[in-house]
N, C-alpha and C. Protein backbone atom coordinates (compact mmCIF):
# COMPACT_ATOMS: atom_id res chain seq x y z
N UNK A 1 68.11 -15.80 160.35
CA UNK A 1 67.49 -16.14 159.09
C UNK A 1 66.08 -16.71 159.40
N UNK A 2 65.11 -16.34 158.60
CA UNK A 2 63.76 -16.73 158.81
C UNK A 2 63.43 -17.86 157.86
N UNK A 3 62.89 -18.95 158.42
CA UNK A 3 62.50 -20.12 157.64
C UNK A 3 61.20 -19.81 156.98
N UNK A 4 61.13 -19.93 155.67
CA UNK A 4 59.89 -19.66 154.92
C UNK A 4 59.47 -20.93 154.20
N UNK A 5 58.16 -21.23 154.20
CA UNK A 5 57.71 -22.41 153.50
C UNK A 5 57.84 -22.18 151.98
N UNK A 6 57.90 -23.26 151.26
CA UNK A 6 57.96 -23.17 149.81
C UNK A 6 56.61 -22.64 149.32
N UNK A 7 56.61 -21.57 148.53
CA UNK A 7 55.40 -20.99 147.98
C UNK A 7 55.33 -21.39 146.50
N UNK A 8 54.34 -22.24 146.25
CA UNK A 8 54.23 -22.73 144.85
C UNK A 8 53.56 -21.71 143.94
N UNK A 9 53.94 -21.77 142.71
CA UNK A 9 53.18 -21.02 141.72
C UNK A 9 51.99 -21.90 141.32
N UNK A 10 51.17 -21.43 140.43
CA UNK A 10 49.97 -22.16 140.01
C UNK A 10 50.37 -23.55 139.55
N UNK A 11 49.66 -24.58 140.05
CA UNK A 11 49.85 -26.00 139.68
C UNK A 11 51.16 -26.58 140.21
N UNK A 12 51.86 -25.91 141.07
CA UNK A 12 53.05 -26.51 141.72
C UNK A 12 52.66 -27.06 143.07
N UNK A 13 53.48 -27.95 143.56
CA UNK A 13 53.28 -28.61 144.83
C UNK A 13 53.73 -27.68 145.95
N UNK A 14 52.94 -27.53 147.00
CA UNK A 14 53.26 -26.68 148.13
C UNK A 14 53.48 -27.56 149.39
N UNK A 15 54.43 -27.21 150.24
CA UNK A 15 54.69 -27.94 151.46
C UNK A 15 54.66 -26.96 152.62
N UNK A 16 54.63 -27.55 153.82
CA UNK A 16 54.69 -26.77 155.08
C UNK A 16 56.15 -26.75 155.53
N UNK A 17 56.55 -25.67 156.13
CA UNK A 17 57.92 -25.59 156.71
C UNK A 17 57.93 -26.35 158.01
N UNK A 18 59.06 -26.69 158.51
CA UNK A 18 59.21 -27.38 159.76
C UNK A 18 58.70 -26.57 160.91
N UNK A 19 58.85 -25.22 160.79
CA UNK A 19 58.30 -24.37 161.83
C UNK A 19 56.77 -24.47 161.86
N UNK A 20 56.13 -24.55 160.74
CA UNK A 20 54.69 -24.73 160.68
C UNK A 20 54.26 -26.11 161.20
N UNK A 21 55.03 -27.14 160.85
CA UNK A 21 54.77 -28.49 161.35
C UNK A 21 54.85 -28.47 162.89
N UNK A 22 55.87 -27.85 163.42
CA UNK A 22 56.01 -27.75 164.89
C UNK A 22 54.87 -27.08 165.50
N UNK A 23 54.39 -25.95 164.89
CA UNK A 23 53.24 -25.21 165.40
C UNK A 23 51.96 -26.07 165.41
N UNK A 24 51.81 -26.89 164.38
CA UNK A 24 50.61 -27.79 164.34
C UNK A 24 50.72 -28.83 165.43
N UNK A 25 51.86 -29.44 165.59
CA UNK A 25 52.02 -30.46 166.62
C UNK A 25 51.81 -29.86 168.01
N UNK A 26 52.40 -28.70 168.26
CA UNK A 26 52.29 -28.05 169.55
C UNK A 26 50.82 -27.74 169.93
N UNK A 27 50.04 -27.32 168.97
CA UNK A 27 48.72 -26.85 169.23
C UNK A 27 47.61 -27.91 169.02
N UNK A 28 48.06 -29.11 168.65
CA UNK A 28 47.11 -30.13 168.29
C UNK A 28 46.52 -30.79 169.57
N UNK A 29 45.18 -30.90 169.60
CA UNK A 29 44.55 -31.66 170.68
C UNK A 29 45.01 -33.09 170.69
N UNK A 30 45.09 -33.67 171.87
CA UNK A 30 45.58 -35.05 172.00
C UNK A 30 44.80 -36.01 171.10
N UNK A 31 43.50 -35.89 171.09
CA UNK A 31 42.71 -36.85 170.28
C UNK A 31 42.84 -36.63 168.78
N UNK A 32 43.36 -35.46 168.34
CA UNK A 32 43.47 -35.16 166.96
C UNK A 32 44.92 -35.52 166.45
N UNK A 33 45.88 -35.72 167.39
CA UNK A 33 47.26 -35.96 167.01
C UNK A 33 47.45 -37.20 166.19
N UNK A 34 46.68 -38.26 166.44
CA UNK A 34 46.82 -39.48 165.61
C UNK A 34 46.45 -39.21 164.19
N UNK A 35 45.45 -38.43 163.92
CA UNK A 35 45.08 -38.08 162.54
C UNK A 35 46.13 -37.20 161.89
N UNK A 36 46.63 -36.22 162.64
CA UNK A 36 47.68 -35.38 162.11
C UNK A 36 48.92 -36.20 161.73
N UNK A 37 49.25 -37.19 162.53
CA UNK A 37 50.38 -38.07 162.29
C UNK A 37 50.16 -38.88 161.00
N UNK A 38 48.95 -39.39 160.85
CA UNK A 38 48.66 -40.20 159.63
C UNK A 38 48.89 -39.35 158.35
N UNK A 39 48.38 -38.11 158.40
CA UNK A 39 48.37 -37.25 157.19
C UNK A 39 49.75 -36.53 157.01
N UNK A 40 50.20 -35.92 158.10
CA UNK A 40 51.39 -35.04 157.97
C UNK A 40 52.72 -35.76 158.12
N UNK A 41 52.73 -36.82 158.91
CA UNK A 41 53.99 -37.57 159.06
C UNK A 41 54.05 -38.73 158.10
N UNK A 42 53.01 -39.56 158.07
CA UNK A 42 53.07 -40.72 157.19
C UNK A 42 52.65 -40.43 155.75
N UNK A 43 51.93 -39.40 155.53
CA UNK A 43 51.56 -38.98 154.19
C UNK A 43 50.30 -39.66 153.61
N UNK A 44 49.43 -40.17 154.47
CA UNK A 44 48.21 -40.73 153.97
C UNK A 44 47.35 -39.66 153.37
N UNK A 45 46.61 -39.98 152.34
CA UNK A 45 45.63 -39.09 151.77
C UNK A 45 44.55 -38.80 152.80
N UNK A 46 43.97 -37.63 152.77
CA UNK A 46 42.96 -37.28 153.74
C UNK A 46 41.83 -38.33 153.75
N UNK A 47 41.38 -38.78 152.62
CA UNK A 47 40.33 -39.78 152.55
C UNK A 47 40.76 -41.12 153.11
N UNK A 48 42.01 -41.49 152.96
CA UNK A 48 42.53 -42.70 153.50
C UNK A 48 42.53 -42.62 155.07
N UNK A 49 42.99 -41.52 155.58
CA UNK A 49 43.16 -41.32 157.01
C UNK A 49 41.83 -41.30 157.75
N UNK A 50 40.75 -40.96 157.05
CA UNK A 50 39.41 -40.93 157.73
C UNK A 50 38.79 -42.35 157.82
N UNK A 51 39.30 -43.27 157.08
CA UNK A 51 38.76 -44.65 157.10
C UNK A 51 39.56 -45.51 158.04
N UNK A 52 39.52 -45.10 159.32
CA UNK A 52 40.33 -45.77 160.34
C UNK A 52 39.99 -47.24 160.54
N UNK A 53 38.76 -47.57 160.25
CA UNK A 53 38.39 -49.00 160.38
C UNK A 53 39.03 -49.86 159.29
N UNK A 54 39.62 -49.25 158.27
CA UNK A 54 40.29 -49.95 157.23
C UNK A 54 41.79 -49.89 157.35
N UNK A 55 42.29 -49.31 158.48
CA UNK A 55 43.73 -49.27 158.76
C UNK A 55 43.98 -50.19 159.93
N UNK A 56 45.14 -50.87 159.90
CA UNK A 56 45.56 -51.66 161.01
C UNK A 56 47.07 -51.45 161.25
N UNK A 57 47.50 -51.80 162.44
CA UNK A 57 48.92 -51.69 162.78
C UNK A 57 49.31 -53.04 163.31
N UNK A 58 50.36 -53.63 162.73
CA UNK A 58 50.82 -54.92 163.14
C UNK A 58 52.37 -55.02 162.95
N UNK A 59 53.03 -55.48 164.01
CA UNK A 59 54.48 -55.67 163.92
C UNK A 59 55.23 -54.48 163.39
N UNK A 60 54.85 -53.29 163.90
CA UNK A 60 55.48 -51.98 163.55
C UNK A 60 55.31 -51.59 162.10
N UNK A 61 54.17 -52.04 161.53
CA UNK A 61 53.78 -51.64 160.12
C UNK A 61 52.37 -51.12 160.20
N UNK A 62 52.11 -50.05 159.45
CA UNK A 62 50.75 -49.56 159.26
C UNK A 62 50.27 -50.21 157.93
N UNK A 63 49.08 -50.83 157.99
CA UNK A 63 48.53 -51.44 156.80
C UNK A 63 47.32 -50.65 156.37
N UNK A 64 47.41 -50.11 155.19
CA UNK A 64 46.34 -49.33 154.59
C UNK A 64 45.52 -50.33 153.75
N UNK A 65 44.36 -50.67 154.18
CA UNK A 65 43.55 -51.65 153.46
C UNK A 65 43.12 -51.17 152.08
N UNK A 66 42.87 -52.10 151.21
CA UNK A 66 42.47 -51.77 149.83
C UNK A 66 41.21 -50.89 149.78
N UNK A 67 40.31 -51.10 150.79
CA UNK A 67 39.09 -50.29 150.81
C UNK A 67 39.35 -48.83 151.19
N UNK A 68 40.49 -48.58 151.84
CA UNK A 68 40.81 -47.22 152.23
C UNK A 68 41.66 -46.52 151.15
N UNK A 69 42.51 -47.32 150.49
CA UNK A 69 43.44 -46.74 149.53
C UNK A 69 42.82 -46.19 148.26
N UNK A 70 43.28 -45.03 147.81
CA UNK A 70 42.76 -44.47 146.57
C UNK A 70 42.93 -45.39 145.37
N UNK A 71 44.11 -46.09 145.39
CA UNK A 71 44.36 -46.97 144.26
C UNK A 71 43.69 -48.36 144.39
N UNK A 72 42.98 -48.57 145.49
CA UNK A 72 42.29 -49.82 145.82
C UNK A 72 43.27 -50.98 145.93
N UNK A 73 44.52 -50.64 146.27
CA UNK A 73 45.55 -51.61 146.50
C UNK A 73 46.10 -51.46 147.89
N UNK A 74 46.09 -52.56 148.60
CA UNK A 74 46.61 -52.60 149.99
C UNK A 74 48.07 -52.19 149.98
N UNK A 75 48.49 -51.38 150.94
CA UNK A 75 49.92 -51.09 151.08
C UNK A 75 50.35 -51.16 152.55
N UNK A 76 51.60 -51.50 152.74
CA UNK A 76 52.20 -51.70 154.04
C UNK A 76 53.30 -50.71 154.23
N UNK A 77 53.16 -49.89 155.28
CA UNK A 77 54.13 -48.80 155.57
C UNK A 77 54.89 -49.11 156.85
N UNK A 78 56.23 -49.22 156.75
CA UNK A 78 57.04 -49.45 157.96
C UNK A 78 57.01 -48.22 158.83
N UNK A 79 56.79 -48.35 160.12
CA UNK A 79 56.78 -47.24 161.04
C UNK A 79 58.18 -46.97 161.58
N UNK A 80 58.47 -45.72 161.86
CA UNK A 80 59.72 -45.38 162.50
C UNK A 80 59.68 -45.88 163.94
N UNK A 81 60.81 -46.07 164.51
CA UNK A 81 60.93 -46.54 165.89
C UNK A 81 60.09 -45.64 166.81
N UNK A 82 59.29 -46.27 167.63
CA UNK A 82 58.49 -45.54 168.62
C UNK A 82 57.18 -44.96 168.08
N UNK A 83 56.90 -45.06 166.83
CA UNK A 83 55.72 -44.45 166.27
C UNK A 83 54.43 -45.23 166.52
N UNK A 84 54.51 -46.41 167.08
CA UNK A 84 53.28 -47.13 167.40
C UNK A 84 52.49 -46.38 168.44
N UNK A 85 53.12 -45.54 169.19
CA UNK A 85 52.38 -44.72 170.22
C UNK A 85 51.43 -43.74 169.50
N UNK A 86 51.80 -43.30 168.32
CA UNK A 86 50.90 -42.43 167.55
C UNK A 86 49.69 -43.23 167.08
N UNK A 87 49.98 -44.45 166.65
CA UNK A 87 48.87 -45.30 166.17
C UNK A 87 47.83 -45.51 167.26
N UNK A 88 48.22 -45.61 168.51
CA UNK A 88 47.28 -45.77 169.60
C UNK A 88 46.36 -44.59 169.79
N UNK A 89 46.70 -43.47 169.21
CA UNK A 89 45.84 -42.26 169.28
C UNK A 89 44.91 -42.17 168.07
N UNK A 90 45.02 -42.99 167.09
CA UNK A 90 44.19 -42.91 165.88
C UNK A 90 42.80 -43.46 166.19
N UNK A 91 41.80 -42.64 165.90
CA UNK A 91 40.38 -43.08 166.04
C UNK A 91 39.53 -42.23 165.13
N UNK A 92 38.34 -42.68 164.87
CA UNK A 92 37.43 -41.96 164.07
C UNK A 92 36.95 -40.70 164.80
N UNK A 93 37.01 -39.59 164.12
CA UNK A 93 36.64 -38.33 164.80
C UNK A 93 35.57 -37.58 164.06
N UNK A 94 34.58 -37.05 164.79
CA UNK A 94 33.57 -36.22 164.11
C UNK A 94 34.13 -34.83 163.86
N UNK A 95 33.58 -34.12 162.90
CA UNK A 95 33.94 -32.74 162.61
C UNK A 95 35.43 -32.58 162.30
N UNK A 96 36.00 -33.54 161.64
CA UNK A 96 37.41 -33.51 161.38
C UNK A 96 37.88 -32.30 160.59
N UNK A 97 37.16 -31.99 159.54
CA UNK A 97 37.53 -30.87 158.69
C UNK A 97 37.53 -29.56 159.47
N UNK A 98 36.47 -29.33 160.29
CA UNK A 98 36.39 -28.11 161.09
C UNK A 98 37.51 -28.09 162.12
N UNK A 99 37.85 -29.24 162.68
CA UNK A 99 38.94 -29.25 163.70
C UNK A 99 40.27 -28.94 163.06
N UNK A 100 40.52 -29.45 161.88
CA UNK A 100 41.79 -29.15 161.19
C UNK A 100 41.82 -27.64 160.81
N UNK A 101 40.72 -27.10 160.41
CA UNK A 101 40.68 -25.66 160.11
C UNK A 101 40.99 -24.86 161.35
N UNK A 102 40.41 -25.21 162.49
CA UNK A 102 40.70 -24.55 163.75
C UNK A 102 42.14 -24.70 164.12
N UNK A 103 42.72 -25.85 163.97
CA UNK A 103 44.12 -26.09 164.29
C UNK A 103 45.03 -25.22 163.40
N UNK A 104 44.72 -25.10 162.11
CA UNK A 104 45.49 -24.23 161.23
C UNK A 104 45.46 -22.78 161.74
N UNK A 105 44.29 -22.30 162.09
CA UNK A 105 44.16 -20.92 162.60
C UNK A 105 44.93 -20.73 163.88
N UNK A 106 44.76 -21.66 164.83
CA UNK A 106 45.45 -21.57 166.11
C UNK A 106 46.97 -21.65 165.96
N UNK A 107 47.42 -22.31 164.90
CA UNK A 107 48.85 -22.42 164.65
C UNK A 107 49.41 -21.25 163.90
N UNK A 108 48.54 -20.32 163.47
CA UNK A 108 48.99 -19.13 162.77
C UNK A 108 49.31 -19.37 161.32
N UNK A 109 48.84 -20.43 160.74
CA UNK A 109 49.10 -20.78 159.33
C UNK A 109 48.01 -20.15 158.49
N UNK A 110 48.40 -19.24 157.62
CA UNK A 110 47.40 -18.58 156.75
C UNK A 110 47.42 -19.15 155.35
N UNK A 111 48.61 -19.53 154.84
CA UNK A 111 48.74 -20.15 153.51
C UNK A 111 48.74 -21.65 153.67
N UNK A 112 47.75 -22.31 153.08
CA UNK A 112 47.62 -23.75 153.17
C UNK A 112 47.45 -24.34 151.77
N UNK A 113 48.59 -24.64 151.13
CA UNK A 113 48.48 -25.15 149.77
C UNK A 113 47.68 -26.48 149.73
N UNK A 114 47.07 -26.70 148.64
CA UNK A 114 46.21 -27.91 148.43
C UNK A 114 47.04 -29.18 148.74
N UNK A 115 46.50 -30.05 149.55
CA UNK A 115 47.13 -31.32 149.93
C UNK A 115 48.52 -31.16 150.50
N UNK A 116 48.73 -30.07 151.19
CA UNK A 116 50.11 -29.79 151.69
C UNK A 116 50.58 -30.74 152.73
N UNK A 117 49.69 -31.34 153.55
CA UNK A 117 50.18 -32.33 154.51
C UNK A 117 50.77 -33.53 153.83
N UNK A 118 50.11 -34.06 152.82
CA UNK A 118 50.61 -35.21 152.08
C UNK A 118 51.86 -34.82 151.32
N UNK A 119 51.86 -33.63 150.72
CA UNK A 119 53.02 -33.18 149.94
C UNK A 119 54.24 -33.02 150.84
N UNK A 120 54.01 -32.49 152.02
CA UNK A 120 55.14 -32.30 152.98
C UNK A 120 55.71 -33.68 153.36
N UNK A 121 54.84 -34.58 153.74
CA UNK A 121 55.31 -35.92 154.14
C UNK A 121 56.01 -36.63 153.00
N UNK A 122 55.42 -36.56 151.79
CA UNK A 122 56.03 -37.27 150.63
C UNK A 122 57.43 -36.73 150.32
N UNK A 123 57.59 -35.47 150.42
CA UNK A 123 58.88 -34.84 150.16
C UNK A 123 59.95 -35.33 151.15
N UNK A 124 59.56 -35.43 152.43
CA UNK A 124 60.47 -35.89 153.46
C UNK A 124 60.73 -37.37 153.37
N UNK A 125 59.75 -38.18 153.04
CA UNK A 125 59.95 -39.60 152.88
C UNK A 125 60.86 -39.91 151.68
N UNK A 126 60.75 -39.17 150.65
CA UNK A 126 61.62 -39.35 149.50
C UNK A 126 63.10 -39.13 149.96
N UNK A 127 63.31 -38.10 150.71
CA UNK A 127 64.66 -37.88 151.26
C UNK A 127 65.06 -39.01 152.24
N UNK A 128 64.16 -39.41 153.06
CA UNK A 128 64.44 -40.47 154.04
C UNK A 128 64.89 -41.79 153.39
N UNK A 129 64.11 -42.24 152.40
CA UNK A 129 64.42 -43.48 151.76
C UNK A 129 65.60 -43.37 150.77
N UNK A 130 65.78 -42.20 150.17
CA UNK A 130 66.79 -42.04 149.14
C UNK A 130 66.58 -43.11 148.01
N UNK A 131 65.35 -43.43 147.80
CA UNK A 131 64.99 -44.46 146.80
C UNK A 131 63.56 -44.21 146.37
N UNK A 132 63.39 -43.81 145.13
CA UNK A 132 62.04 -43.48 144.64
C UNK A 132 61.08 -44.61 144.70
N UNK A 133 61.56 -45.83 144.43
CA UNK A 133 60.66 -46.99 144.46
C UNK A 133 60.13 -47.27 145.86
N UNK A 134 61.01 -47.18 146.87
CA UNK A 134 60.57 -47.41 148.23
C UNK A 134 59.58 -46.34 148.69
N UNK A 135 59.91 -45.09 148.35
CA UNK A 135 59.03 -44.00 148.78
C UNK A 135 57.67 -44.09 148.06
N UNK A 136 57.71 -44.52 146.78
CA UNK A 136 56.50 -44.68 146.00
C UNK A 136 55.61 -45.78 146.61
N UNK A 137 56.20 -46.88 147.05
CA UNK A 137 55.38 -47.94 147.71
C UNK A 137 54.75 -47.42 148.97
N UNK A 138 55.54 -46.66 149.77
CA UNK A 138 55.07 -46.11 151.01
C UNK A 138 53.83 -45.22 150.76
N UNK A 139 53.90 -44.39 149.73
CA UNK A 139 52.87 -43.40 149.45
C UNK A 139 51.76 -43.86 148.55
N UNK A 140 51.93 -44.99 147.89
CA UNK A 140 50.93 -45.44 146.94
C UNK A 140 50.98 -44.67 145.66
N UNK A 141 52.15 -44.34 145.19
CA UNK A 141 52.40 -43.58 143.97
C UNK A 141 53.24 -44.48 143.01
N UNK A 142 53.38 -44.00 141.81
CA UNK A 142 54.42 -44.59 140.92
C UNK A 142 55.70 -43.79 141.16
N UNK A 143 56.88 -44.42 140.96
CA UNK A 143 58.13 -43.66 141.09
C UNK A 143 58.17 -42.45 140.19
N UNK A 144 57.61 -42.53 138.99
CA UNK A 144 57.59 -41.41 138.06
C UNK A 144 56.80 -40.21 138.65
N UNK A 145 55.65 -40.49 139.16
CA UNK A 145 54.80 -39.49 139.76
C UNK A 145 55.52 -38.84 140.97
N UNK A 146 56.14 -39.67 141.79
CA UNK A 146 56.85 -39.20 142.95
C UNK A 146 57.99 -38.30 142.57
N UNK A 147 58.78 -38.71 141.61
CA UNK A 147 59.91 -37.92 141.14
C UNK A 147 59.42 -36.56 140.56
N UNK A 148 58.37 -36.60 139.76
CA UNK A 148 57.87 -35.41 139.12
C UNK A 148 57.37 -34.37 140.12
N UNK A 149 56.74 -34.82 141.19
CA UNK A 149 56.07 -33.88 142.10
C UNK A 149 56.88 -33.53 143.36
N UNK A 150 57.68 -34.44 143.86
CA UNK A 150 58.28 -34.23 145.17
C UNK A 150 59.77 -34.06 145.27
N UNK A 151 60.47 -34.36 144.21
CA UNK A 151 61.95 -34.30 144.24
C UNK A 151 62.37 -32.86 144.46
N UNK A 152 63.29 -32.62 145.38
CA UNK A 152 63.99 -31.38 145.67
C UNK A 152 63.05 -30.29 146.23
N UNK A 153 61.97 -30.68 146.87
CA UNK A 153 61.13 -29.63 147.51
C UNK A 153 61.68 -29.30 148.90
N UNK A 154 62.36 -30.25 149.51
CA UNK A 154 62.98 -30.03 150.83
C UNK A 154 64.37 -30.59 150.78
N UNK A 155 65.20 -30.06 151.68
CA UNK A 155 66.60 -30.56 151.75
C UNK A 155 66.70 -31.74 152.67
N UNK A 156 67.80 -32.44 152.62
CA UNK A 156 68.06 -33.57 153.50
C UNK A 156 68.06 -33.12 154.93
N UNK A 157 68.68 -31.96 155.20
CA UNK A 157 68.70 -31.45 156.61
C UNK A 157 67.29 -31.13 157.10
N UNK A 158 66.48 -30.58 156.26
CA UNK A 158 65.10 -30.24 156.62
C UNK A 158 64.32 -31.53 156.92
N UNK A 159 64.62 -32.60 156.18
CA UNK A 159 63.97 -33.87 156.44
C UNK A 159 64.37 -34.45 157.79
N UNK A 160 65.66 -34.36 158.07
CA UNK A 160 66.13 -34.87 159.36
C UNK A 160 65.45 -34.13 160.53
N UNK A 161 65.32 -32.80 160.35
CA UNK A 161 64.64 -31.99 161.37
C UNK A 161 63.13 -32.37 161.45
N UNK A 162 62.52 -32.60 160.32
CA UNK A 162 61.10 -32.99 160.25
C UNK A 162 60.85 -34.24 161.12
N UNK A 163 61.65 -35.27 160.86
CA UNK A 163 61.40 -36.53 161.60
C UNK A 163 61.77 -36.36 163.08
N UNK A 164 62.72 -35.52 163.37
CA UNK A 164 63.08 -35.24 164.78
C UNK A 164 61.86 -34.59 165.51
N UNK A 165 61.09 -33.76 164.82
CA UNK A 165 59.92 -33.14 165.43
C UNK A 165 58.95 -34.21 165.90
N UNK A 166 58.81 -35.24 165.12
CA UNK A 166 57.85 -36.32 165.51
C UNK A 166 58.42 -37.19 166.64
N UNK A 167 59.71 -37.32 166.68
CA UNK A 167 60.33 -38.05 167.79
C UNK A 167 60.11 -37.32 169.10
N UNK A 168 60.30 -35.97 169.07
CA UNK A 168 60.13 -35.16 170.28
C UNK A 168 58.72 -35.08 170.78
N UNK A 169 57.79 -35.17 169.85
CA UNK A 169 56.37 -34.98 170.18
C UNK A 169 55.72 -36.19 170.87
N UNK A 170 56.32 -37.31 170.79
CA UNK A 170 55.72 -38.54 171.32
C UNK A 170 55.42 -38.49 172.75
């Protein structure tokens, strides 16, 4: 059986399949992996992830400063065990958009739904927490918004596989 990513119709949320996530991780340059982790694993918005000087990591929590957050509200994200090693790779990078475009091409990904890295992460975190309020705090959303956009886009098994990919990549 071939794993296919969810293909959204107009105005629907699109995610990446675990096979696509694995391809991105496998082909990602070492210095770009921290940024990929912020967006695709943790679900930071692209604009938040580029403001690395407004992000901190302390006691196994990533703190997204109010100056970085879209909502202008500081949020604290608990990291999974061992994920502080990803944080150590996070740095400000020039030509980020071009590098992500090249990574997509090298990974063989032709369909790239709008904001799919954040949508992929949000879908998996909702499954992980099994609690809309906790997932909403993590992502900087309201529970209503989270439920409306991300519920049932991925299965529980797919989420377990998604997080295992990040454990293996460390």
